[in-house]
């Protein structure tokens, strides 16, 4: 996965992770998992709605 963020944001994120002894990738994976957990029910409903329209 590749994302585009400003150099300043990357430096701040790197510093915050380093202060906590974490790798940036660990934190990104955790954030993605949290986002999916919070949004999967809604995403599932949206996909079901699209299937109904297509069929």
N, C-alpha and C. Protein backbone atom coordinates (compact mmCIF):
# COMPACT_ATOMS: atom_id res chain seq x y z
N UNK A 1 0.85 -1.16 0.00
CA UNK A 1 0.00 0.00 0.00
C UNK A 1 0.90 1.23 0.00
N UNK A 2 0.53 2.17 -0.81
CA UNK A 2 1.26 3.44 -0.85
C UNK A 2 0.26 4.56 -0.64
N UNK A 3 0.62 5.49 0.23
CA UNK A 3 -0.24 6.65 0.44
C UNK A 3 0.61 7.91 0.33
N UNK A 4 -0.03 9.00 0.01
CA UNK A 4 0.66 10.28 -0.09
C UNK A 4 0.28 11.15 1.09
N UNK A 5 1.26 11.54 1.87
CA UNK A 5 1.05 12.47 2.98
C UNK A 5 2.19 13.49 2.95
N UNK A 6 1.97 14.61 3.60
CA UNK A 6 3.01 15.64 3.61
C UNK A 6 4.20 15.16 4.43
N UNK A 7 5.35 15.72 4.13
CA UNK A 7 6.57 15.39 4.88
C UNK A 7 6.39 15.72 6.36
N UNK A 8 5.72 16.83 6.64
CA UNK A 8 5.51 17.23 8.03
C UNK A 8 4.68 16.20 8.77
N UNK A 9 3.59 15.73 8.16
CA UNK A 9 2.74 14.73 8.80
C UNK A 9 3.51 13.43 9.03
N UNK A 10 4.30 13.02 8.05
CA UNK A 10 5.09 11.80 8.19
C UNK A 10 6.10 11.93 9.33
N UNK A 11 6.77 13.07 9.41
CA UNK A 11 7.75 13.28 10.49
C UNK A 11 7.09 13.26 11.86
N UNK A 12 5.93 13.92 11.97
CA UNK A 12 5.21 13.95 13.25
C UNK A 12 4.74 12.55 13.65
N UNK A 13 4.21 11.80 12.67
CA UNK A 13 3.74 10.45 12.93
C UNK A 13 4.90 9.55 13.33
N UNK A 14 6.00 9.65 12.60
CA UNK A 14 7.18 8.85 12.90
C UNK A 14 7.68 9.14 14.32
N UNK A 15 7.74 10.41 14.68
CA UNK A 15 8.22 10.79 16.01
C UNK A 15 7.28 10.25 17.10
N UNK A 16 5.98 10.39 16.89
CA UNK A 16 5.02 9.92 17.89
C UNK A 16 5.12 8.40 18.06
N UNK A 17 5.28 7.68 16.97
CA UNK A 17 5.42 6.22 17.05
C UNK A 17 6.72 5.85 17.75
N UNK A 18 7.81 6.52 17.39
CA UNK A 18 9.11 6.23 17.98
C UNK A 18 9.11 6.47 19.48
N UNK A 19 8.45 7.53 19.92
CA UNK A 19 8.38 7.82 21.36
C UNK A 19 7.68 6.70 22.13
N UNK A 20 6.79 6.00 21.46
CA UNK A 20 6.05 4.91 22.09
C UNK A 20 6.65 3.54 21.78
N UNK A 21 7.75 3.53 21.05
CA UNK A 21 8.42 2.27 20.71
C UNK A 21 7.64 1.43 19.72
N UNK A 22 6.88 2.08 18.85
CA UNK A 22 6.06 1.38 17.87
C UNK A 22 6.56 1.66 16.46
N UNK A 23 6.31 0.71 15.58
CA UNK A 23 6.58 0.93 14.16
C UNK A 23 5.37 1.60 13.55
N UNK A 24 5.61 2.49 12.60
CA UNK A 24 4.51 3.18 11.95
C UNK A 24 3.52 2.19 11.33
N UNK A 25 4.03 1.12 10.72
CA UNK A 25 3.16 0.14 10.09
C UNK A 25 2.23 -0.53 11.11
N UNK A 26 2.74 -0.78 12.32
CA UNK A 26 1.90 -1.37 13.37
C UNK A 26 0.72 -0.47 13.68
N UNK A 27 0.99 0.82 13.80
CA UNK A 27 -0.05 1.78 14.15
C UNK A 27 -1.04 1.93 13.00
N UNK A 28 -0.56 1.95 11.77
CA UNK A 28 -1.44 2.07 10.61
C UNK A 28 -2.38 0.87 10.54
N UNK A 29 -1.85 -0.34 10.73
CA UNK A 29 -2.69 -1.54 10.71
C UNK A 29 -3.75 -1.45 11.80
N UNK A 30 -3.36 -1.03 12.99
CA UNK A 30 -4.32 -0.89 14.09
C UNK A 30 -5.42 0.12 13.74
N UNK A 31 -5.04 1.24 13.15
CA UNK A 31 -6.03 2.26 12.77
C UNK A 31 -6.98 1.72 11.69
N UNK A 32 -6.46 0.99 10.72
CA UNK A 32 -7.31 0.42 9.67
C UNK A 32 -8.29 -0.58 10.29
N UNK A 33 -7.79 -1.43 11.19
CA UNK A 33 -8.67 -2.40 11.84
C UNK A 33 -9.77 -1.70 12.64
N UNK A 34 -9.42 -0.64 13.36
CA UNK A 34 -10.42 0.11 14.13
C UNK A 34 -11.44 0.76 13.20
N UNK A 35 -10.98 1.32 12.09
CA UNK A 35 -11.89 1.97 11.15
C UNK A 35 -12.85 0.95 10.55
N UNK A 36 -12.31 -0.22 10.16
CA UNK A 36 -13.16 -1.26 9.60
C UNK A 36 -14.19 -1.73 10.61
N UNK A 37 -13.78 -1.95 11.83
CA UNK A 37 -14.70 -2.39 12.87
C UNK A 37 -15.84 -1.38 13.04
N UNK A 38 -15.51 -0.11 13.00
CA UNK A 38 -16.51 0.94 13.17
C UNK A 38 -17.40 1.11 11.94
N UNK A 39 -16.93 0.70 10.78
CA UNK A 39 -17.65 0.98 9.53
C UNK A 39 -18.17 -0.24 8.78
N UNK A 40 -17.78 -1.44 9.17
CA UNK A 40 -18.15 -2.62 8.39
C UNK A 40 -19.66 -2.85 8.32
N UNK A 41 -20.39 -2.60 9.38
CA UNK A 41 -21.84 -2.80 9.35
C UNK A 41 -22.47 -1.90 8.28
N UNK A 42 -22.08 -0.63 8.27
CA UNK A 42 -22.61 0.31 7.29
C UNK A 42 -22.18 -0.09 5.87
N UNK A 43 -20.93 -0.48 5.71
CA UNK A 43 -20.45 -0.89 4.39
C UNK A 43 -21.21 -2.11 3.90
N UNK A 44 -21.49 -3.05 4.80
CA UNK A 44 -22.25 -4.25 4.44
C UNK A 44 -23.65 -3.88 3.96
N UNK A 45 -24.31 -2.96 4.67
CA UNK A 45 -25.65 -2.52 4.26
C UNK A 45 -25.59 -1.85 2.89
N UNK A 46 -24.58 -1.04 2.65
CA UNK A 46 -24.45 -0.37 1.36
C UNK A 46 -24.25 -1.38 0.22
N UNK A 47 -23.43 -2.39 0.46
CA UNK A 47 -23.21 -3.41 -0.56
C UNK A 47 -24.48 -4.20 -0.84
N UNK A 48 -25.23 -4.54 0.20
CA UNK A 48 -26.48 -5.26 0.00
C UNK A 48 -27.46 -4.41 -0.80
N UNK A 49 -27.49 -3.11 -0.54
CA UNK A 49 -28.36 -2.21 -1.30
C UNK A 49 -27.99 -2.18 -2.76
N UNK A 50 -26.73 -2.22 -3.07
CA UNK A 50 -26.27 -2.22 -4.47
C UNK A 50 -26.64 -3.53 -5.16
N UNK A 51 -26.53 -4.65 -4.45
CA UNK A 51 -26.88 -5.94 -5.02
C UNK A 51 -28.36 -5.99 -5.38
N UNK A 52 -29.19 -5.39 -4.54
CA UNK A 52 -30.63 -5.36 -4.78
C UNK A 52 -30.94 -4.57 -6.04
N UNK A 53 -30.27 -3.46 -6.23
CA UNK A 53 -30.49 -2.61 -7.40
C UNK A 53 -30.05 -3.32 -8.66
N UNK A 54 -28.93 -4.03 -8.61
CA UNK A 54 -28.38 -4.71 -9.78
C UNK A 54 -29.23 -5.90 -10.17
N UNK A 55 -29.73 -6.65 -9.19
CA UNK A 55 -30.52 -7.85 -9.49
C UNK A 55 -31.88 -7.51 -9.91
